[in-house]
Amino acid sequence: MSEEYEEIHSEEVDRVVAALELLSESVSSETIKSMLEGCSSEIYYLVYEDEEGLAA
């Protein structure tokens, strides 16, 4: 099996992270808020993890 590579653009990641942050602010459940923040972090690191590693 060969692994497929999907290019993910930073603009899309920024847009999704911003939407998750807005959604997180609108919920009262701490459990849901925590899950949304975790998703936001994972999506953020799809693009920015490698860039931060190179800058360090």
Protein backbone atom coordinates (compact mmCIF):
# COMPACT_ATOMS: atom_id res chain seq x y z
CA MET A 1 0.00 0.00 0.00
CA SER A 2 1.21 3.48 -0.78
CA GLU A 3 0.41 6.43 1.43
CA GLU A 4 -1.34 9.33 -0.23
CA TYR A 5 -0.15 12.85 0.50
CA GLU A 6 -2.72 15.59 0.85
CA GLU A 7 -1.52 19.17 0.70
CA ILE A 8 -3.17 21.27 3.39
CA HIS A 9 -3.01 25.04 3.03
CA SER A 10 -2.39 27.31 5.99
CA GLU A 11 -5.29 29.56 4.97
CA GLU A 12 -7.71 26.67 5.35
CA VAL A 13 -6.20 25.67 8.69
CA ASP A 14 -6.44 29.26 9.96
CA ARG A 15 -10.08 29.46 8.88
CA VAL A 16 -11.04 26.17 10.56
CA VAL A 17 -9.15 26.99 13.78
CA ALA A 18 -10.88 30.38 13.96
CA ALA A 19 -14.29 28.75 13.44
CA LEU A 20 -13.59 26.19 16.18
CA GLU A 21 -12.52 28.96 18.56
CA LEU A 22 -15.78 30.84 17.92
CA LEU A 23 -17.77 27.66 18.42
CA SER A 24 -15.88 26.91 21.63
CA GLU A 25 -16.81 30.34 22.99
CA SER A 26 -20.49 29.64 22.36
CA VAL A 27 -20.80 26.38 24.33
CA SER A 28 -21.31 26.07 28.05
CA SER A 29 -20.18 22.46 28.46
CA GLU A 30 -16.58 22.26 29.63
CA THR A 31 -16.29 18.78 28.12
CA ILE A 32 -17.33 19.96 24.66
CA LYS A 33 -15.16 23.07 24.98
CA SER A 34 -12.16 20.91 25.86
CA MET A 35 -12.79 18.61 22.89
CA LEU A 36 -13.11 21.56 20.50
CA GLU A 37 -9.85 23.04 21.80
CA GLY A 38 -8.14 19.67 21.31
CA CYS A 39 -9.42 19.45 17.73
CA SER A 40 -8.28 23.01 17.10
CA SER A 41 -4.76 22.18 18.32
CA GLU A 42 -4.54 19.04 16.20
CA ILE A 43 -5.68 20.89 13.09
CA TYR A 44 -3.27 23.76 13.78
CA TYR A 45 -0.32 21.35 14.00
CA LEU A 46 -1.16 19.80 10.62
CA VAL A 47 0.55 22.80 9.06
CA TYR A 48 2.44 24.69 11.74
CA GLU A 49 4.22 21.89 13.64
CA ASP A 50 6.90 21.49 10.97
CA GLU A 51 7.39 25.26 10.57
CA GLU A 52 7.84 25.75 14.32
CA GLY A 53 10.30 22.87 14.47
CA LEU A 54 12.43 24.48 11.79
CA ALA A 55 12.36 27.88 13.51
CA ALA A 56 13.54 26.49 16.86
